[in-house]
PDB file of all heavy atoms in Angstrom:
ATOM      1  N   THR A   1       0.837  -1.194   0.000  1.00  0.00           N
ATOM      2  CA  THR A   1       0.000   0.000   0.000  1.00  0.00           C
ATOM      3  C   THR A   1       0.875   1.248   0.000  1.00  0.00           C
ATOM      4  O   THR A   1       1.987   1.250   0.531  1.00  0.00           O
ATOM      5  CB  THR A   1      -0.929   0.030   1.225  1.00  0.00           C
ATOM      6  OG1 THR A   1      -0.143   0.046   2.424  1.00  0.00           O
ATOM      7  CG2 THR A   1      -1.858  -1.181   1.231  1.00  0.00           C
ATOM      8  N   PHE A   2       0.341   2.312  -0.608  1.00  0.00           N
ATOM      9  CA  PHE A   2       1.080   3.562  -0.761  1.00  0.00           C
ATOM     10  C   PHE A   2       0.161   4.744  -0.451  1.00  0.00           C
ATOM     11  O   PHE A   2      -1.017   4.735  -0.792  1.00  0.00           O
ATOM     12  CB  PHE A   2       1.594   3.712  -2.195  1.00  0.00           C
ATOM     13  CG  PHE A   2       2.563   2.644  -2.626  1.00  0.00           C
ATOM     14  CD1 PHE A   2       2.107   1.430  -3.125  1.00  0.00           C
ATOM     15  CD2 PHE A   2       3.937   2.853  -2.527  1.00  0.00           C
ATOM     16  CE1 PHE A   2       2.993   0.440  -3.518  1.00  0.00           C
ATOM     17  CE2 PHE A   2       4.834   1.868  -2.922  1.00  0.00           C
ATOM     18  CZ  PHE A   2       4.359   0.659  -3.419  1.00  0.00           C
ATOM     19  N   ALA A   3       0.721   5.767   0.157  1.00  0.00           N
ATOM     20  CA  ALA A   3       0.014   7.023   0.361  1.00  0.00           C
ATOM     21  C   ALA A   3       0.319   8.001  -0.771  1.00  0.00           C
ATOM     22  O   ALA A   3      -0.419   8.959  -0.993  1.00  0.00           O
ATOM     23  CB  ALA A   3       0.385   7.641   1.701  1.00  0.00           C
ATOM     24  N   SER A   4       1.419   7.763  -1.494  1.00  0.00           N
ATOM     25  CA  SER A   4       1.861   8.649  -2.569  1.00  0.00           C
ATOM     26  C   SER A   4       1.697   7.954  -3.927  1.00  0.00           C
ATOM     27  O   SER A   4       2.218   6.836  -4.122  1.00  0.00           O
ATOM     28  CB  SER A   4       3.320   9.032  -2.370  1.00  0.00           C
ATOM     29  OG  SER A   4       3.886   9.567  -3.551  1.00  0.00           O
ATOM     30  N   TYR A   5       1.007   8.601  -4.831  1.00  0.00           N
ATOM     31  CA  TYR A   5       0.836   8.038  -6.168  1.00  0.00           C
ATOM     32  C   TYR A   5       2.167   7.964  -6.904  1.00  0.00           C
ATOM     33  O   TYR A   5       2.482   6.977  -7.574  1.00  0.00           O
ATOM     34  CB  TYR A   5      -0.163   8.903  -6.945  1.00  0.00           C
ATOM     35  CG  TYR A   5      -0.458   8.415  -8.351  1.00  0.00           C
ATOM     36  CD1 TYR A   5      -0.835   7.098  -8.592  1.00  0.00           C
ATOM     37  CD2 TYR A   5      -0.380   9.294  -9.435  1.00  0.00           C
ATOM     38  CE1 TYR A   5      -1.134   6.657  -9.876  1.00  0.00           C
ATOM     39  CE2 TYR A   5      -0.677   8.869 -10.713  1.00  0.00           C
ATOM     40  CZ  TYR A   5      -1.055   7.549 -10.939  1.00  0.00           C
ATOM     41  OH  TYR A   5      -1.337   7.122 -12.212  1.00  0.00           O
ATOM     42  N   GLU A   6       2.971   9.001  -6.763  1.00  0.00           N
ATOM     43  CA  GLU A   6       4.271   9.017  -7.425  1.00  0.00           C
ATOM     44  C   GLU A   6       5.159   7.873  -6.916  1.00  0.00           C
ATOM     45  O   GLU A   6       5.884   7.240  -7.690  1.00  0.00           O
ATOM     46  CB  GLU A   6       4.959  10.359  -7.200  1.00  0.00           C
ATOM     47  CG  GLU A   6       4.328  11.535  -7.952  1.00  0.00           C
ATOM     48  CD  GLU A   6       2.999  11.979  -7.381  1.00  0.00           C
ATOM     49  OE1 GLU A   6       2.703  11.649  -6.205  1.00  0.00           O
ATOM     50  OE2 GLU A   6       2.228  12.647  -8.100  1.00  0.00           O
ATOM     51  N   GLU A   7       5.096   7.602  -5.619  1.00  0.00           N
ATOM     52  CA  GLU A   7       5.881   6.505  -5.064  1.00  0.00           C
ATOM     53  C   GLU A   7       5.385   5.164  -5.593  1.00  0.00           C
ATOM     54  O   GLU A   7       6.192   4.266  -5.896  1.00  0.00           O
ATOM     55  CB  GLU A   7       5.803   6.519  -3.539  1.00  0.00           C
ATOM     56  CG  GLU A   7       6.703   5.471  -2.885  1.00  0.00           C
ATOM     57  CD  GLU A   7       6.625   5.490  -1.370  1.00  0.00           C
ATOM     58  OE1 GLU A   7       5.789   6.237  -0.818  1.00  0.00           O
ATOM     59  OE2 GLU A   7       7.398   4.746  -0.738  1.00  0.00           O
ATOM     60  N   LEU A   8       4.086   5.014  -5.730  1.00  0.00           N
ATOM     61  CA  LEU A   8       3.558   3.777  -6.295  1.00  0.00           C
ATOM     62  C   LEU A   8       4.067   3.566  -7.710  1.00  0.00           C
ATOM     63  O   LEU A   8       4.524   2.472  -8.066  1.00  0.00           O
ATOM     64  CB  LEU A   8       2.026   3.795  -6.282  1.00  0.00           C
ATOM     65  CG  LEU A   8       1.336   2.559  -6.864  1.00  0.00           C
ATOM     66  CD1 LEU A   8       0.086   2.194  -6.069  1.00  0.00           C
ATOM     67  CD2 LEU A   8       0.959   2.746  -8.343  1.00  0.00           C
ATOM     68  N   LEU A   9       3.996   4.600  -8.554  1.00  0.00           N
ATOM     69  CA  LEU A   9       4.469   4.459  -9.928  1.00  0.00           C
ATOM     70  C   LEU A   9       5.959   4.136  -9.972  1.00  0.00           C
ATOM     71  O   LEU A   9       6.424   3.454 -10.895  1.00  0.00           O
ATOM     72  CB  LEU A   9       4.183   5.741 -10.716  1.00  0.00           C
ATOM     73  CG  LEU A   9       2.711   6.049 -10.997  1.00  0.00           C
ATOM     74  CD1 LEU A   9       2.588   7.375 -11.742  1.00  0.00           C
ATOM     75  CD2 LEU A   9       2.048   4.940 -11.799  1.00  0.00           C
ATOM     76  N   ASP A  10       6.688   4.592  -8.986  1.00  0.00           N
ATOM     77  CA  ASP A  10       8.128   4.365  -8.959  1.00  0.00           C
ATOM     78  C   ASP A  10       8.497   2.985  -8.426  1.00  0.00           C
ATOM     79  O   ASP A  10       9.449   2.356  -8.898  1.00  0.00           O
ATOM     80  CB  ASP A  10       8.792   5.443  -8.103  1.00  0.00           C
ATOM     81  CG  ASP A  10      10.304   5.326  -8.080  1.00  0.00           C
ATOM     82  OD1 ASP A  10      10.904   5.204  -9.168  1.00  0.00           O
ATOM     83  OD2 ASP A  10      10.882   5.345  -6.970  1.00  0.00           O
ATOM     84  N   LYS A  11       7.700   2.459  -7.465  1.00  0.00           N
ATOM     85  CA  LYS A  11       8.135   1.268  -6.737  1.00  0.00           C
ATOM     86  C   LYS A  11       7.221   0.055  -6.895  1.00  0.00           C
ATOM     87  O   LYS A  11       7.671  -1.081  -6.667  1.00  0.00           O
ATOM     88  CB  LYS A  11       8.267   1.596  -5.257  1.00  0.00           C
ATOM     89  CG  LYS A  11       9.334   2.632  -4.937  1.00  0.00           C
ATOM     90  CD  LYS A  11       9.416   2.889  -3.439  1.00  0.00           C
ATOM     91  CE  LYS A  11      10.503   3.908  -3.110  1.00  0.00           C
ATOM     92  NZ  LYS A  11      10.574   4.174  -1.640  1.00  0.00           N
ATOM     93  N   ALA A  12       5.967   0.245  -7.239  1.00  0.00           N
ATOM     94  CA  ALA A  12       5.021  -0.882  -7.231  1.00  0.00           C
ATOM     95  C   ALA A  12       5.282  -1.825  -8.400  1.00  0.00           C
ATOM     96  O   ALA A  12       5.664  -1.401  -9.503  1.00  0.00           O
ATOM     97  CB  ALA A  12       3.590  -0.372  -7.285  1.00  0.00           C
ATOM     98  N   ASP A  13       5.068  -3.100  -8.159  1.00  0.00           N
ATOM     99  CA  ASP A  13       5.171  -4.124  -9.196  1.00  0.00           C
ATOM    100  C   ASP A  13       3.813  -4.247  -9.875  1.00  0.00           C
ATOM    101  O   ASP A  13       2.975  -5.064  -9.488  1.00  0.00           O
ATOM    102  CB  ASP A  13       5.579  -5.455  -8.562  1.00  0.00           C
ATOM    103  CG  ASP A  13       5.690  -6.575  -9.592  1.00  0.00           C
ATOM    104  OD1 ASP A  13       5.843  -6.264 -10.787  1.00  0.00           O
ATOM    105  OD2 ASP A  13       5.611  -7.757  -9.190  1.00  0.00           O
ATOM    106  N   CYS A  14       3.583  -3.404 -10.879  1.00  0.00           N
ATOM    107  CA  CYS A  14       2.298  -3.425 -11.570  1.00  0.00           C
ATOM    108  C   CYS A  14       2.500  -3.102 -13.045  1.00  0.00           C
ATOM    109  O   CYS A  14       3.383  -2.329 -13.413  1.00  0.00           O
ATOM    110  CB  CYS A  14       1.303  -2.451 -10.936  1.00  0.00           C
ATOM    111  SG  CYS A  14       1.784  -0.707 -11.016  1.00  0.00           S
ATOM    112  N   THR A  15       1.673  -3.700 -13.862  1.00  0.00           N
ATOM    113  CA  THR A  15       1.684  -3.405 -15.299  1.00  0.00           C
ATOM    114  C   THR A  15       0.540  -2.481 -15.688  1.00  0.00           C
ATOM    115  O   THR A  15       0.529  -1.954 -16.806  1.00  0.00           O
ATOM    116  CB  THR A  15       1.580  -4.694 -16.120  1.00  0.00           C
ATOM    117  OG1 THR A  15       0.423  -5.440 -15.699  1.00  0.00           O
ATOM    118  CG2 THR A  15       2.808  -5.558 -15.935  1.00  0.00           C
ATOM    119  N   ALA A  16      -0.432  -2.301 -14.785  1.00  0.00           N
ATOM    120  CA  ALA A  16      -1.596  -1.475 -15.094  1.00  0.00           C
ATOM    121  C   ALA A  16      -2.112  -0.824 -13.817  1.00  0.00           C
ATOM    122  O   ALA A  16      -1.909  -1.350 -12.711  1.00  0.00           O
ATOM    123  CB  ALA A  16      -2.700  -2.324 -15.726  1.00  0.00           C
ATOM    124  N   VAL A  17      -2.789   0.318 -13.978  1.00  0.00           N
ATOM    125  CA  VAL A  17      -3.410   0.984 -12.843  1.00  0.00           C
ATOM    126  C   VAL A  17      -4.889   1.210 -13.124  1.00  0.00           C
ATOM    127  O   VAL A  17      -5.296   1.459 -14.266  1.00  0.00           O
ATOM    128  CB  VAL A  17      -2.737   2.341 -12.513  1.00  0.00           C
ATOM    129  CG1 VAL A  17      -1.283   2.142 -12.135  1.00  0.00           C
ATOM    130  CG2 VAL A  17      -2.871   3.323 -13.671  1.00  0.00           C
ATOM    131  N   PHE A  18      -5.666   1.088 -12.069  1.00  0.00           N
ATOM    132  CA  PHE A  18      -7.089   1.408 -12.127  1.00  0.00           C
ATOM    133  C   PHE A  18      -7.286   2.689 -11.333  1.00  0.00           C
ATOM    134  O   PHE A  18      -7.104   2.718 -10.121  1.00  0.00           O
ATOM    135  CB  PHE A  18      -7.920   0.267 -11.541  1.00  0.00           C
ATOM    136  CG  PHE A  18      -9.365   0.622 -11.313  1.00  0.00           C
ATOM    137  CD1 PHE A  18     -10.097   1.272 -12.279  1.00  0.00           C
ATOM    138  CD2 PHE A  18      -9.980   0.302 -10.116  1.00  0.00           C
ATOM    139  CE1 PHE A  18     -11.421   1.608 -12.067  1.00  0.00           C
ATOM    140  CE2 PHE A  18     -11.305   0.627  -9.884  1.00  0.00           C
ATOM    141  CZ  PHE A  18     -12.030   1.284 -10.865  1.00  0.00           C
ATOM    142  N   ILE A  19      -7.637   3.787 -12.021  1.00  0.00           N
ATOM    143  CA  ILE A  19      -7.760   5.099 -11.397  1.00  0.00           C
ATOM    144  C   ILE A  19      -9.189   5.301 -10.921  1.00  0.00           C
ATOM    145  O   ILE A  19     -10.120   5.385 -11.726  1.00  0.00           O
ATOM    146  CB  ILE A  19      -7.329   6.208 -12.372  1.00  0.00           C
ATOM    147  CG1 ILE A  19      -5.840   6.039 -12.709  1.00  0.00           C
ATOM    148  CG2 ILE A  19      -7.599   7.585 -11.769  1.00  0.00           C
ATOM    149  CD1 ILE A  19      -5.342   6.998 -13.759  1.00  0.00           C
ATOM    150  N   ALA A  20      -9.359   5.381  -9.605  1.00  0.00           N
ATOM    151  CA  ALA A  20     -10.680   5.544  -8.999  1.00  0.00           C
ATOM    152  C   ALA A  20     -10.656   6.675  -7.985  1.00  0.00           C
ATOM    153  O   ALA A  20     -11.251   6.589  -6.915  1.00  0.00           O
ATOM    154  CB  ALA A  20     -11.116   4.239  -8.346  1.00  0.00           C
ATOM    155  N   THR A  21      -9.944   7.730  -8.328  1.00  0.00           N
ATOM    156  CA  THR A  21      -9.789   8.902  -7.475  1.00  0.00           C
ATOM    157  C   THR A  21     -10.856   9.941  -7.829  1.00  0.00           C
ATOM    158  O   THR A  21     -11.627   9.755  -8.774  1.00  0.00           O
ATOM    159  CB  THR A  21      -8.392   9.498  -7.676  1.00  0.00           C
ATOM    160  OG1 THR A  21      -8.174   9.693  -9.079  1.00  0.00           O
ATOM    161  CG2 THR A  21      -7.320   8.576  -7.125  1.00  0.00           C
ATOM    162  N   PRO A  22     -10.931  11.068  -7.103  1.00  0.00           N
ATOM    163  CA  PRO A  22     -11.866  12.129  -7.491  1.00  0.00           C
ATOM    164  C   PRO A  22     -11.667  12.563  -8.946  1.00  0.00           C
ATOM    165  O   PRO A  22     -10.553  12.565  -9.477  1.00  0.00           O
ATOM    166  CB  PRO A  22     -11.528  13.254  -6.507  1.00  0.00           C
ATOM    167  CG  PRO A  22     -11.086  12.522  -5.275  1.00  0.00           C
ATOM    168  CD  PRO A  22     -10.312  11.342  -5.790  1.00  0.00           C
ATOM    169  N   MET A  23     -12.755  12.956  -9.551  1.00  0.00           N
ATOM    170  CA  MET A  23     -12.828  13.143 -11.000  1.00  0.00           C
ATOM    171  C   MET A  23     -11.789  14.119 -11.564  1.00  0.00           C
ATOM    172  O   MET A  23     -11.234  13.902 -12.643  1.00  0.00           O
ATOM    173  CB  MET A  23     -14.230  13.623 -11.358  1.00  0.00           C
ATOM    174  CG  MET A  23     -14.610  13.481 -12.798  1.00  0.00           C
ATOM    175  SD  MET A  23     -16.348  13.893 -13.038  1.00  0.00           S
ATOM    176  CE  MET A  23     -16.297  15.679 -12.989  1.00  0.00           C
ATOM    177  N   LEU A  24     -11.513  15.181 -10.847  1.00  0.00           N
ATOM    178  CA  LEU A  24     -10.612  16.201 -11.372  1.00  0.00           C
ATOM    179  C   LEU A  24      -9.178  15.705 -11.494  1.00  0.00           C
ATOM    180  O   LEU A  24      -8.350  16.345 -12.147  1.00  0.00           O
ATOM    181  CB  LEU A  24     -10.657  17.455 -10.495  1.00  0.00           C
ATOM    182  CG  LEU A  24     -12.003  18.186 -10.455  1.00  0.00           C
ATOM    183  CD1 LEU A  24     -11.959  19.335  -9.462  1.00  0.00           C
ATOM    184  CD2 LEU A  24     -12.390  18.698 -11.837  1.00  0.00           C
ATOM    185  N   LEU A  25      -8.867  14.551 -10.883  1.00  0.00           N
ATOM    186  CA  LEU A  25      -7.509  14.009 -10.925  1.00  0.00           C
ATOM    187  C   LEU A  25      -7.299  13.004 -12.054  1.00  0.00           C
ATOM    188  O   LEU A  25      -6.156  12.634 -12.346  1.00  0.00           O
ATOM    189  CB  LEU A  25      -7.179  13.320  -9.592  1.00  0.00           C
ATOM    190  CG  LEU A  25      -7.281  14.169  -8.328  1.00  0.00           C
ATOM    191  CD1 LEU A  25      -7.018  13.303  -7.107  1.00  0.00           C
ATOM    192  CD2 LEU A  25      -6.308  15.338  -8.380  1.00  0.00           C
ATOM    193  N   HIS A  26      -8.364  12.542 -12.681  1.00  0.00           N
ATOM    194  CA  HIS A  26      -8.267  11.399 -13.586  1.00  0.00           C
ATOM    195  C   HIS A  26      -7.279  11.610 -14.731  1.00  0.00           C
ATOM    196  O   HIS A  26      -6.435  10.753 -14.996  1.00  0.00           O
ATOM    197  CB  HIS A  26      -9.647  11.063 -14.161  1.00  0.00           C
ATOM    198  CG  HIS A  26     -10.600  10.518 -13.145  1.00  0.00           C
ATOM    199  ND1 HIS A  26     -11.920  10.257 -13.431  1.00  0.00           N
ATOM    200  CD2 HIS A  26     -10.422  10.182 -11.842  1.00  0.00           C
ATOM    201  CE1 HIS A  26     -12.512   9.780 -12.347  1.00  0.00           C
ATOM    202  NE2 HIS A  26     -11.635   9.738 -11.376  1.00  0.00           N
ATOM    203  N   ALA A  27      -7.406  12.699 -15.442  1.00  0.00           N
ATOM    204  CA  ALA A  27      -6.575  12.907 -16.629  1.00  0.00           C
ATOM    205  C   ALA A  27      -5.093  12.978 -16.263  1.00  0.00           C
ATOM    206  O   ALA A  27      -4.259  12.312 -16.881  1.00  0.00           O
ATOM    207  CB  ALA A  27      -7.004  14.170 -17.370  1.00  0.00           C
ATOM    208  N   ARG A  28      -4.769  13.791 -15.273  1.00  0.00           N
ATOM    209  CA  ARG A  28      -3.364  13.963 -14.913  1.00  0.00           C
ATOM    210  C   ARG A  28      -2.763  12.649 -14.420  1.00  0.00           C
ATOM    211  O   ARG A  28      -1.639  12.287 -14.788  1.00  0.00           O
ATOM    212  CB  ARG A  28      -3.255  15.041 -13.831  1.00  0.00           C
ATOM    213  CG  ARG A  28      -1.843  15.357 -13.357  1.00  0.00           C
ATOM    214  CD  ARG A  28      -0.892  15.667 -14.478  1.00  0.00           C
ATOM    215  NE  ARG A  28      -1.468  16.584 -15.463  1.00  0.00           N
ATOM    216  CZ  ARG A  28      -1.021  16.727 -16.688  1.00  0.00           C
ATOM    217  NH1 ARG A  28      -0.002  15.988 -17.119  1.00  0.00           N
ATOM    218  NH2 ARG A  28      -1.591  17.583 -17.518  1.00  0.00           N
ATOM    219  N   GLN A  29      -3.499  11.907 -13.615  1.00  0.00           N
ATOM    220  CA  GLN A  29      -2.968  10.642 -13.109  1.00  0.00           C
ATOM    221  C   GLN A  29      -2.850   9.604 -14.214  1.00  0.00           C
ATOM    222  O   GLN A  29      -1.917   8.797 -14.210  1.00  0.00           O
ATOM    223  CB  GLN A  29      -3.853  10.125 -11.966  1.00  0.00           C
ATOM    224  CG  GLN A  29      -3.726  10.976 -10.706  1.00  0.00           C
ATOM    225  CD  GLN A  29      -4.561  10.466  -9.552  1.00  0.00           C
ATOM    226  OE1 GLN A  29      -5.587   9.808  -9.757  1.00  0.00           O
ATOM    227  NE2 GLN A  29      -4.144  10.758  -8.337  1.00  0.00           N
ATOM    228  N   ALA A  30      -3.774   9.610 -15.165  1.00  0.00           N
ATOM    229  CA  ALA A  30      -3.665   8.687 -16.296  1.00  0.00           C
ATOM    230  C   ALA A  30      -2.427   8.996 -17.124  1.00  0.00           C
ATOM    231  O   ALA A  30      -1.681   8.095 -17.530  1.00  0.00           O
ATOM    232  CB  ALA A  30      -4.923   8.769 -17.161  1.00  0.00           C
ATOM    233  N   ILE A  31      -2.185  10.264 -17.378  1.00  0.00           N
ATOM    234  CA  ILE A  31      -1.017  10.668 -18.167  1.00  0.00           C
ATOM    235  C   ILE A  31       0.273  10.285 -17.441  1.00  0.00           C
ATOM    236  O   ILE A  31       1.227   9.794 -18.063  1.00  0.00           O
ATOM    237  CB  ILE A  31      -1.091  12.182 -18.461  1.00  0.00           C
ATOM    238  CG1 ILE A  31      -2.245  12.469 -19.439  1.00  0.00           C
ATOM    239  CG2 ILE A  31       0.234  12.701 -19.007  1.00  0.00           C
ATOM    240  CD1 ILE A  31      -2.633  13.931 -19.533  1.00  0.00           C
TER     241      ILE A  31
END
């Protein structure tokens, strides 16, 4: 588990992300 999205992208073992955050964050986090 991570509190920081940037840390997750840097350290997590994942090939895909499911973005379920507040709507105004979707585009930036997807990019």
